[in-house]
PDB file of N, CA and C in Angstrom:
ATOM      1  N   MET A   1      24.477 -10.578   2.063  1.00  0.00           N
ATOM      2  CA  MET A   1      24.587  -9.731   3.577  1.00  0.00           C
ATOM      3  C   MET A   1      25.359  -8.941   3.648  1.00  0.00           C
ATOM      4  N   GLU A   2      25.542  -8.088   4.551  1.00  0.00           N
ATOM      5  CA  GLU A   2      26.230  -7.069   4.874  1.00  0.00           C
ATOM      6  C   GLU A   2      25.992  -6.981   6.164  1.00  0.00           C
ATOM      7  N   ALA A   3      27.256  -6.971   6.888  1.00  0.00           N
ATOM      8  CA  ALA A   3      27.297  -6.030   8.738  1.00  0.00           C
ATOM      9  C   ALA A   3      28.082  -5.038   8.736  1.00  0.00           C
ATOM     10  N   LYS A   4      27.528  -4.158   9.971  1.00  0.00           N
ATOM     11  CA  LYS A   4      28.432  -2.969   9.996  1.00  0.00           C
ATOM     12  C   LYS A   4      28.100  -3.010  11.809  1.00  0.00           C
ATOM     13  N   LEU A   5      28.842  -2.478  12.197  1.00  0.00           N
ATOM     14  CA  LEU A   5      28.433  -2.000  13.991  1.00  0.00           C
ATOM     15  C   LEU A   5      28.371  -0.592  13.986  1.00  0.00           C
ATOM     16  N   PHE A   6      27.398  -0.041  14.837  1.00  0.00           N
ATOM     17  CA  PHE A   6      27.388   1.000  15.069  1.00  0.00           C
ATOM     18  C   PHE A   6      27.005   1.680  16.786  1.00  0.00           C
ATOM     19  N   GLU A   7      27.554   2.887  16.994  1.00  0.00           N
ATOM     20  CA  GLU A   7      27.667   3.227  17.951  1.00  0.00           C
ATOM     21  C   GLU A   7      26.152   4.032  18.615  1.00  0.00           C
ATOM     22  N   ILE A   8      25.360   3.627  19.157  1.00  0.00           N
ATOM     23  CA  ILE A   8      23.897   4.174  18.976  1.00  0.00           C
ATOM     24  C   ILE A   8      23.862   5.216  20.362  1.00  0.00           C
ATOM     25  N   ARG A   9      23.471   6.431  20.288  1.00  0.00           N
ATOM     26  CA  ARG A   9      23.620   7.535  21.184  1.00  0.00           C
ATOM     27  C   ARG A   9      22.143   8.220  21.583  1.00  0.00           C
ATOM     28  N   ASP A  10      21.812   8.143  22.413  1.00  0.00           N
ATOM     29  CA  ASP A  10      20.827   9.149  23.101  1.00  0.00           C
ATOM     30  C   ASP A  10      20.853   9.876  24.193  1.00  0.00           C
ATOM     31  N   ARG A  11      20.100  10.448  24.534  1.00  0.00           N
ATOM     32  CA  ARG A  11      20.505  11.301  26.262  1.00  0.00           C
ATOM     33  C   ARG A  11      21.014  10.390  27.100  1.00  0.00           C
ATOM     34  N   GLY A  12      22.029  10.148  27.871  1.00  0.00           N
ATOM     35  CA  GLY A  12      22.363   9.339  28.760  1.00  0.00           C
ATOM     36  C   GLY A  12      22.608   7.742  28.146  1.00  0.00           C
ATOM     37  N   THR A  13      22.727   7.643  26.825  1.00  0.00           N
ATOM     38  CA  THR A  13      22.383   6.312  26.392  1.00  0.00           C
ATOM     39  C   THR A  13      23.503   6.021  25.326  1.00  0.00           C
ATOM     40  N   PHE A  14      24.391   5.034  25.482  1.00  0.00           N
ATOM     41  CA  PHE A  14      25.337   4.317  24.635  1.00  0.00           C
ATOM     42  C   PHE A  14      24.766   2.756  24.723  1.00  0.00           C
ATOM     43  N   ILE A  15      24.747   2.616  23.169  1.00  0.00           N
ATOM     44  CA  ILE A  15      24.134   1.279  23.267  1.00  0.00           C
ATOM     45  C   ILE A  15      25.675   0.980  21.625  1.00  0.00           C
ATOM     46  N   PRO A  16      26.355  -0.337  21.742  1.00  0.00           N
ATOM     47  CA  PRO A  16      26.875  -0.992  20.715  1.00  0.00           C
ATOM     48  C   PRO A  16      25.866  -2.197  20.167  1.00  0.00           C
ATOM     49  N   ALA A  17      25.584  -1.721  18.431  1.00  0.00           N
ATOM     50  CA  ALA A  17      24.735  -2.461  17.993  1.00  0.00           C
ATOM     51  C   ALA A  17      25.678  -3.200  16.886  1.00  0.00           C
ATOM     52  N   LEU A  18      25.077  -4.075  16.319  1.00  0.00           N
ATOM     53  CA  LEU A  18      25.122  -5.044  15.279  1.00  0.00           C
ATOM     54  C   LEU A  18      24.100  -4.830  13.856  1.00  0.00           C
ATOM     55  N   ALA A  19      24.110  -4.268  12.883  1.00  0.00           N
ATOM     56  CA  ALA A  19      23.274  -4.331  11.726  1.00  0.00           C
ATOM     57  C   ALA A  19      23.566  -4.893  10.568  1.00  0.00           C
ATOM     58  N   VAL A  20      22.808  -6.047  10.539  1.00  0.00           N
ATOM     59  CA  VAL A  20      22.941  -6.779   9.127  1.00  0.00           C
ATOM     60  C   VAL A  20      21.652  -6.837   8.019  1.00  0.00           C
ATOM     61  N   THR A  21      22.194  -6.895   6.987  1.00  0.00           N
ATOM     62  CA  THR A  21      21.135  -6.899   6.003  1.00  0.00           C
ATOM     63  C   THR A  21      21.026  -8.258   5.053  1.00  0.00           C
ATOM     64  N   ILE A  22      19.668  -8.201   5.234  1.00  0.00           N
ATOM     65  CA  ILE A  22      19.045  -9.440   4.540  1.00  0.00           C
ATOM     66  C   ILE A  22      17.758  -9.070   3.762  1.00  0.00           C
ATOM     67  N   SER A  23      17.787 -10.207   2.803  1.00  0.00           N
ATOM     68  CA  SER A  23      16.790 -10.430   1.787  1.00  0.00           C
ATOM     69  C   SER A  23      16.804 -11.893   0.989  1.00  0.00           C
ATOM     70  N   SER A  24      15.823 -11.846   0.066  1.00  0.00           N
ATOM     71  CA  SER A  24      15.455 -13.026  -0.464  1.00  0.00           C
ATOM     72  C   SER A  24      16.612 -13.514  -1.172  1.00  0.00           C
ATOM     73  N   GLU A  25      17.479 -12.463  -1.645  1.00  0.00           N
ATOM     74  CA  GLU A  25      18.504 -12.564  -2.332  1.00  0.00           C
ATOM     75  C   GLU A  25      19.661 -13.731  -1.885  1.00  0.00           C
ATOM     76  N   ASP A  26      19.615 -13.466  -0.506  1.00  0.00           N
ATOM     77  CA  ASP A  26      20.592 -14.097   0.318  1.00  0.00           C
ATOM     78  C   ASP A  26      20.639 -15.616   0.489  1.00  0.00           C
ATOM     79  N   GLY A  27      19.450 -16.112  -0.795  1.00  0.00           N
ATOM     80  CA  GLY A  27      18.992 -17.516  -0.400  1.00  0.00           C
ATOM     81  C   GLY A  27      17.857 -17.943   0.014  1.00  0.00           C
ATOM     82  N   PHE A  28      17.485 -19.087   0.054  1.00  0.00           N
ATOM     83  CA  PHE A  28      16.513 -20.111   0.331  1.00  0.00           C
ATOM     84  C   PHE A  28      16.321 -20.188   1.771  1.00  0.00           C
ATOM     85  N   LEU A  29      17.189 -19.985   2.849  1.00  0.00           N
ATOM     86  CA  LEU A  29      16.765 -19.491   4.286  1.00  0.00           C
ATOM     87  C   LEU A  29      16.126 -18.604   4.733  1.00  0.00           C
ATOM     88  N   ALA A  30      16.607 -17.478   4.194  1.00  0.00           N
ATOM     89  CA  ALA A  30      16.138 -16.274   3.846  1.00  0.00           C
ATOM     90  C   ALA A  30      14.820 -16.150   3.468  1.00  0.00           C
ATOM     91  N   ARG A  31      14.737 -16.731   2.416  1.00  0.00           N
ATOM     92  CA  ARG A  31      13.238 -16.852   1.777  1.00  0.00           C
ATOM     93  C   ARG A  31      11.791 -17.413   2.644  1.00  0.00           C
ATOM     94  N   ARG A  32      12.488 -18.401   3.374  1.00  0.00           N
ATOM     95  CA  ARG A  32      11.957 -19.678   4.125  1.00  0.00           C
ATOM     96  C   ARG A  32      11.594 -18.532   5.705  1.00  0.00           C
ATOM     97  N   GLY A  33      12.318 -17.546   5.793  1.00  0.00           N
ATOM     98  CA  GLY A  33      12.332 -17.066   6.774  1.00  0.00           C
ATOM     99  C   GLY A  33      11.294 -15.677   6.307  1.00  0.00           C
ATOM    100  N   GLY A  34      10.831 -15.645   5.213  1.00  0.00           N
ATOM    101  CA  GLY A  34      10.035 -14.699   5.088  1.00  0.00           C
ATOM    102  C   GLY A  34      10.382 -13.129   4.429  1.00  0.00           C
ATOM    103  N   PHE A  35      11.545 -13.274   4.359  1.00  0.00           N
ATOM    104  CA  PHE A  35      12.338 -11.877   3.603  1.00  0.00           C
ATOM    105  C   PHE A  35      11.785 -11.996   2.025  1.00  0.00           C
ATOM    106  N   GLY A  36      11.750 -10.924   1.484  1.00  0.00           N
ATOM    107  CA  GLY A  36      11.506 -10.414   0.018  1.00  0.00           C
ATOM    108  C   GLY A  36      12.740  -9.777  -0.500  1.00  0.00           C
ATOM    109  N   LYS A  37      12.345  -9.399  -1.744  1.00  0.00           N
ATOM    110  CA  LYS A  37      13.685  -8.522  -2.190  1.00  0.00           C
ATOM    111  C   LYS A  37      14.095  -7.538  -1.930  1.00  0.00           C
ATOM    112  N   ALA A  38      13.080  -6.796  -1.391  1.00  0.00           N
ATOM    113  CA  ALA A  38      13.562  -5.434  -0.441  1.00  0.00           C
ATOM    114  C   ALA A  38      14.520  -5.817   0.621  1.00  0.00           C
ATOM    115  N   LYS A  39      15.573  -5.200   0.938  1.00  0.00           N
ATOM    116  CA  LYS A  39      16.564  -5.115   1.990  1.00  0.00           C
ATOM    117  C   LYS A  39      15.938  -4.805   3.221  1.00  0.00           C
ATOM    118  N   SER A  40      16.045  -5.660   4.211  1.00  0.00           N
ATOM    119  CA  SER A  40      15.841  -5.635   5.905  1.00  0.00           C
ATOM    120  C   SER A  40      17.094  -5.473   6.540  1.00  0.00           C
ATOM    121  N   ILE A  41      16.686  -4.511   7.583  1.00  0.00           N
ATOM    122  CA  ILE A  41      17.777  -4.676   8.690  1.00  0.00           C
ATOM    123  C   ILE A  41      17.782  -5.514  10.084  1.00  0.00           C
ATOM    124  N   VAL A  42      18.514  -5.951  10.089  1.00  0.00           N
ATOM    125  CA  VAL A  42      18.389  -7.008  11.340  1.00  0.00           C
ATOM    126  C   VAL A  42      19.401  -6.175  12.457  1.00  0.00           C
ATOM    127  N   LEU A  43      18.713  -5.670  13.675  1.00  0.00           N
ATOM    128  CA  LEU A  43      19.706  -4.736  14.807  1.00  0.00           C
ATOM    129  C   LEU A  43      19.774  -5.592  15.622  1.00  0.00           C
ATOM    130  N   VAL A  44      20.927  -5.815  16.059  1.00  0.00           N
ATOM    131  CA  VAL A  44      21.230  -6.319  17.398  1.00  0.00           C
ATOM    132  C   VAL A  44      21.848  -5.552  18.527  1.00  0.00           C
ATOM    133  N   HIS A  45      20.950  -5.583  19.687  1.00  0.00           N
ATOM    134  CA  HIS A  45      21.724  -4.757  21.033  1.00  0.00           C
ATOM    135  C   HIS A  45      22.871  -6.036  21.171  1.00  0.00           C
ATOM    136  N   LEU A  46      24.033  -5.273  21.344  1.00  0.00           N
ATOM    137  CA  LEU A  46      25.231  -6.232  21.773  1.00  0.00           C
ATOM    138  C   LEU A  46      25.248  -6.530  23.035  1.00  0.00           C
ATOM    139  N   GLN A  47      24.887  -5.818  23.962  1.00  0.00           N
ATOM    140  CA  GLN A  47      24.887  -5.375  25.282  1.00  0.00           C
ATOM    141  C   GLN A  47      23.982  -6.617  25.959  1.00  0.00           C
ATOM    142  N   ASP A  48      22.779  -7.069  25.325  1.00  0.00           N
ATOM    143  CA  ASP A  48      21.942  -7.691  25.890  1.00  0.00           C
ATOM    144  C   ASP A  48      20.898  -8.793  24.931  1.00  0.00           C
ATOM    145  N   GLY A  49      21.782  -8.821  23.677  1.00  0.00           N
ATOM    146  CA  GLY A  49      21.127  -9.991  22.986  1.00  0.00           C
ATOM    147  C   GLY A  49      20.092  -9.796  22.195  1.00  0.00           C
ATOM    148  N   ARG A  50      19.193  -8.503  22.361  1.00  0.00           N
ATOM    149  CA  ARG A  50      17.819  -8.498  21.940  1.00  0.00           C
ATOM    150  C   ARG A  50      18.100  -7.951  20.436  1.00  0.00           C
ATOM    151  N   CYS A  51      17.298  -8.396  19.497  1.00  0.00           N
ATOM    152  CA  CYS A  51      17.626  -8.403  18.339  1.00  0.00           C
ATOM    153  C   CYS A  51      15.962  -8.325  17.354  1.00  0.00           C
ATOM    154  N   SER A  52      15.916  -7.472  16.374  1.00  0.00           N
ATOM    155  CA  SER A  52      14.451  -7.130  15.525  1.00  0.00           C
ATOM    156  C   SER A  52      14.568  -6.836  14.216  1.00  0.00           C
ATOM    157  N   PHE A  53      14.245  -7.554  13.096  1.00  0.00           N
ATOM    158  CA  PHE A  53      14.152  -6.954  11.861  1.00  0.00           C
ATOM    159  C   PHE A  53      12.931  -5.659  11.607  1.00  0.00           C
ATOM    160  N   ASP A  54      12.295  -5.491  12.478  1.00  0.00           N
ATOM    161  CA  ASP A  54      11.252  -4.792  12.540  1.00  0.00           C
ATOM    162  C   ASP A  54      11.702  -3.380  13.587  1.00  0.00           C
ATOM    163  N   PRO A  55      11.760  -2.553  13.360  1.00  0.00           N
ATOM    164  CA  PRO A  55      11.968  -1.042  13.752  1.00  0.00           C
ATOM    165  C   PRO A  55      10.950  -0.786  14.885  1.00  0.00           C
ATOM    166  N   PHE A  56       9.862  -1.052  14.551  1.00  0.00           N
ATOM    167  CA  PHE A  56       8.850  -0.572  15.568  1.00  0.00           C
ATOM    168  C   PHE A  56       8.558  -1.679  16.679  1.00  0.00           C
ATOM    169  N   HIS A  57       9.506  -2.762  16.676  1.00  0.00           N
ATOM    170  CA  HIS A  57       9.201  -3.884  17.571  1.00  0.00           C
ATOM    171  C   HIS A  57       9.934  -3.325  19.086  1.00  0.00           C
ATOM    172  N   TRP A  58      10.661  -2.438  18.905  1.00  0.00           N
ATOM    173  CA  TRP A  58      11.394  -1.846  20.131  1.00  0.00           C
ATOM    174  C   TRP A  58      11.011  -1.735  21.168  1.00  0.00           C
ATOM    175  N   ALA A  59       9.811  -0.603  20.675  1.00  0.00           N
ATOM    176  CA  ALA A  59       9.009   0.060  21.802  1.00  0.00           C
ATOM    177  C   ALA A  59       9.587   0.809  22.484  1.00  0.00           C
ATOM    178  N   ASP A  60      10.892   1.466  22.219  1.00  0.00           N
ATOM    179  CA  ASP A  60      11.762   2.587  22.827  1.00  0.00           C
ATOM    180  C   ASP A  60      11.868   3.543  21.760  1.00  0.00           C
ATOM    181  N   ARG A  61      12.110   4.702  21.859  1.00  0.00           N
ATOM    182  CA  ARG A  61      12.486   5.811  20.976  1.00  0.00           C
ATOM    183  C   ARG A  61      14.046   5.859  20.351  1.00  0.00           C
ATOM    184  N   THR A  62      14.866   5.047  21.367  1.00  0.00           N
ATOM    185  CA  THR A  62      16.250   5.016  20.943  1.00  0.00           C
ATOM    186  C   THR A  62      16.537   4.085  19.956  1.00  0.00           C
ATOM    187  N   LEU A  63      16.055   2.716  20.397  1.00  0.00           N
ATOM    188  CA  LEU A  63      16.332   1.870  19.311  1.00  0.00           C
ATOM    189  C   LEU A  63      15.332   1.749  17.733  1.00  0.00           C
ATOM    190  N   SER A  64      14.172   2.275  17.987  1.00  0.00           N
ATOM    191  CA  SER A  64      13.526   2.143  17.112  1.00  0.00           C
ATOM    192  C   SER A  64      13.772   3.377  15.756  1.00  0.00           C
ATOM    193  N   THR A  65      14.281   4.446  16.733  1.00  0.00           N
ATOM    194  CA  THR A  65      14.398   5.740  15.789  1.00  0.00           C
ATOM    195  C   THR A  65      16.219   5.495  15.117  1.00  0.00           C
ATOM    196  N   SER A  66      16.979   4.535  15.859  1.00  0.00           N
ATOM    197  CA  SER A  66      17.936   4.350  15.226  1.00  0.00           C
ATOM    198  C   SER A  66      17.783   3.165  14.394  1.00  0.00           C
ATOM    199  N   HIS A  67      16.952   2.456  14.568  1.00  0.00           N
ATOM    200  CA  HIS A  67      16.785   1.441  13.514  1.00  0.00           C
ATOM    201  C   HIS A  67      16.232   1.636  12.594  1.00  0.00           C
ATOM    202  N   ASN A  68      15.209   2.566  12.569  1.00  0.00           N
ATOM    203  CA  ASN A  68      14.869   3.333  11.233  1.00  0.00           C
ATOM    204  C   ASN A  68      15.770   4.369  10.302  1.00  0.00           C
ATOM    205  N   TYR A  69      16.700   4.813  11.236  1.00  0.00           N
ATOM    206  CA  TYR A  69      18.054   5.613  10.242  1.00  0.00           C
ATOM    207  C   TYR A  69      18.834   4.889   9.712  1.00  0.00           C
ATOM    208  N   ILE A  70      19.117   3.577  10.376  1.00  0.00           N
ATOM    209  CA  ILE A  70      20.262   2.548   9.817  1.00  0.00           C
ATOM    210  C   ILE A  70      19.333   2.223   8.370  1.00  0.00           C
ATOM    211  N   LYS A  71      18.220   1.926   8.772  1.00  0.00           N
ATOM    212  CA  LYS A  71      17.553   1.293   7.364  1.00  0.00           C
ATOM    213  C   LYS A  71      17.541   2.382   5.975  1.00  0.00           C
ATOM    214  N   ASP A  72      17.125   3.245   6.610  1.00  0.00           N
ATOM    215  CA  ASP A  72      16.766   4.589   5.836  1.00  0.00           C
ATOM    216  C   ASP A  72      18.117   5.083   4.986  1.00  0.00           C
ATOM    217  N   ASN A  73      19.495   4.851   5.523  1.00  0.00           N
ATOM    218  CA  ASN A  73      20.504   5.646   5.345  1.00  0.00           C
ATOM    219  C   ASN A  73      22.105   4.119   5.143  1.00  0.00           C
ATOM    220  N   TRP A  74      21.450   3.199   4.872  1.00  0.00           N
ATOM    221  CA  TRP A  74      22.627   2.254   4.760  1.00  0.00           C
ATOM    222  C   TRP A  74      23.369   2.085   4.030  1.00  0.00           C
ATOM    223  N   ASP A  75      23.115   2.778   2.708  1.00  0.00           N
ATOM    224  CA  ASP A  75      24.221   3.092   1.765  1.00  0.00           C
ATOM    225  C   ASP A  75      25.556   3.796   2.249  1.00  0.00           C
ATOM    226  N   GLU A  76      24.779   5.319   3.229  1.00  0.00           N
ATOM    227  CA  GLU A  76      25.768   6.063   3.060  1.00  0.00           C
ATOM    228  C   GLU A  76      26.744   5.935   4.835  1.00  0.00           C
ATOM    229  N   LEU A  77      25.995   4.869   5.117  1.00  0.00           N
ATOM    230  CA  LEU A  77      26.617   4.807   6.756  1.00  0.00           C
ATOM    231  C   LEU A  77      27.693   3.670   6.688  1.00  0.00           C
ATOM    232  N   LYS A  78      29.184   3.856   7.385  1.00  0.00           N
ATOM    233  CA  LYS A  78      30.139   2.742   7.570  1.00  0.00           C
ATOM    234  C   LYS A  78      30.046   2.585   9.073  1.00  0.00           C
ATOM    235  N   SER A  79      30.902   1.057   9.047  1.00  0.00           N
ATOM    236  CA  SER A  79      30.858   0.586  10.160  1.00  0.00           C
ATOM    237  C   SER A  79      31.449   1.465  11.286  1.00  0.00           C
ATOM    238  N   SER A  80      31.190   1.471  12.416  1.00  0.00           N
ATOM    239  CA  SER A  80      31.468   2.388  13.589  1.00  0.00           C
ATOM    240  C   SER A  80      31.063   3.784  13.757  1.00  0.00           C
ATOM    241  N   ASP A  81      30.051   4.004  12.482  1.00  0.00           N
ATOM    242  CA  ASP A  81      29.557   5.365  12.931  1.00  0.00           C
ATOM    243  C   ASP A  81      28.447   5.521  14.066  1.00  0.00           C
ATOM    244  N   VAL A  82      28.369   6.858  14.682  1.00  0.00           N
ATOM    245  CA  VAL A  82      28.057   7.054  15.648  1.00  0.00           C
ATOM    246  C   VAL A  82      26.276   7.587  15.104  1.00  0.00           C
ATOM    247  N   ILE A  83      25.030   6.666  15.488  1.00  0.00           N
ATOM    248  CA  ILE A  83      24.038   7.013  15.140  1.00  0.00           C
ATOM    249  C   ILE A  83      23.297   7.825  16.407  1.00  0.00           C
ATOM    250  N   ASP A  84      23.086   9.070  16.411  1.00  0.00           N
ATOM    251  CA  ASP A  84      22.818   9.963  17.267  1.00  0.00           C
ATOM    252  C   ASP A  84      21.274  10.553  17.038  1.00  0.00           C
ATOM    253  N   VAL A  85      20.560   9.483  18.350  1.00  0.00           N
ATOM    254  CA  VAL A  85      18.997  10.104  18.324  1.00  0.00           C
ATOM    255  C   VAL A  85      18.903  11.409  18.402  1.00  0.00           C
ATOM    256  N   GLU A  86      19.153  12.011  19.213  1.00  0.00           N
ATOM    257  CA  GLU A  86      19.013  13.346  19.742  1.00  0.00           C
ATOM    258  C   GLU A  86      19.036  14.493  18.223  1.00  0.00           C
ATOM    259  N   PHE A  87      20.371  14.050  17.635  1.00  0.00           N
ATOM    260  CA  PHE A  87      20.711  14.810  16.510  1.00  0.00           C
ATOM    261  C   PHE A  87      19.773  14.814  15.213  1.00  0.00           C
ATOM    262  N   ILE A  88      18.939  13.158  15.212  1.00  0.00           N
ATOM    263  CA  ILE A  88      18.382  13.205  13.998  1.00  0.00           C
ATOM    264  C   ILE A  88      16.982  13.249  14.232  1.00  0.00           C
ATOM    265  N   LEU A  89      16.597  13.291  15.575  1.00  0.00           N
ATOM    266  CA  LEU A  89      15.103  14.498  15.975  1.00  0.00           C
ATOM    267  C   LEU A  89      15.203  15.727  16.238  1.00  0.00           C
ATOM    268  N   GLY A  90      16.558  16.659  15.554  1.00  0.00           N
ATOM    269  CA  GLY A  90      16.724  17.727  15.670  1.00  0.00           C
ATOM    270  C   GLY A  90      16.498  18.517  16.995  1.00  0.00           C
ATOM    271  N   GLU A  91      17.194  17.783  18.432  1.00  0.00           N
ATOM    272  CA  GLU A  91      16.662  18.074  19.575  1.00  0.00           C
ATOM    273  C   GLU A  91      18.303  18.565  19.990  1.00  0.00           C
ATOM    274  N   THR A  92      19.264  18.342  19.144  1.00  0.00           N
ATOM    275  CA  THR A  92      20.434  18.814  19.158  1.00  0.00           C
ATOM    276  C   THR A  92      21.043  19.516  18.171  1.00  0.00           C
ATOM    277  N   ALA A  93      21.883  20.404  17.797  1.00  0.00           N
ATOM    278  CA  ALA A  93      22.581  21.021  16.514  1.00  0.00           C
ATOM    279  C   ALA A  93      23.423  20.442  16.250  1.00  0.00           C
ATOM    280  N   GLU A  94      24.445  19.376  17.249  1.00  0.00           N
ATOM    281  CA  GLU A  94      25.469  19.288  16.333  1.00  0.00           C
ATOM    282  C   GLU A  94      25.791  17.343  17.075  1.00  0.00           C
ATOM    283  N   LYS A  95      26.125  16.561  16.090  1.00  0.00           N
ATOM    284  CA  LYS A  95      26.003  15.369  16.429  1.00  0.00           C
ATOM    285  C   LYS A  95      27.228  15.002  17.384  1.00  0.00           C
ATOM    286  N   LYS A  96      26.757  14.028  18.174  1.00  0.00           N
ATOM    287  CA  LYS A  96      27.723  13.571  19.105  1.00  0.00           C
ATOM    288  C   LYS A  96      29.180  12.876  18.351  1.00  0.00           C
ATOM    289  N   GLU A  97      30.381  12.924  19.227  1.00  0.00           N
ATOM    290  CA  GLU A  97      31.146  12.050  18.628  1.00  0.00           C
ATOM    291  C   GLU A  97      31.542  10.775  19.522  1.00  0.00           C
ATOM    292  N   SER A  98      32.299   9.977  18.641  1.00  0.00           N
ATOM    293  CA  SER A  98      32.142   8.699  19.082  1.00  0.00           C
ATOM    294  C   SER A  98      33.283   8.731  20.354  1.00  0.00           C
ATOM    295  N   GLU A  99      32.884   7.713  21.542  1.00  0.00           N
ATOM    296  CA  GLU A  99      33.349   7.815  22.604  1.00  0.00           C
ATOM    297  C   GLU A  99      34.816   6.709  22.425  1.00  0.00           C
ATOM    298  N   SER A 100      35.047   6.587  21.469  1.00  0.00           N
ATOM    299  CA  SER A 100      36.186   5.603  20.994  1.00  0.00           C
ATOM    300  C   SER A 100      37.507   6.578  20.374  1.00  0.00           C
ATOM    301  N   ARG A 101      37.089   8.524  20.285  1.00  0.00           N
ATOM    302  CA  ARG A 101      38.036   9.117  19.870  1.00  0.00           C
ATOM    303  C   ARG A 101      39.180   9.954  21.008  1.00  0.00           C
TER     304      ARG A 101
END
């Protein structure tokens, strides 16, 4: 397992999130939980506690898009990166900068 924190941004939206990888390689409990060899990403919305390993569970564009992006780009992302949904979807030409800067 590996964990990273992300700043998820969208139009008028700021979501601090935690993402954790999980697979059957993480042991008995992960296997019993239904996780296979492929790495899954559990995304946790840190402000309200909602979480899911299914990007389509969220039923909103911000979390679904960011969850898929994190899953597809896990190895290139580092903790504290900004996940900018408008930029990912090509709606803006420049990626948002972190509010921490």
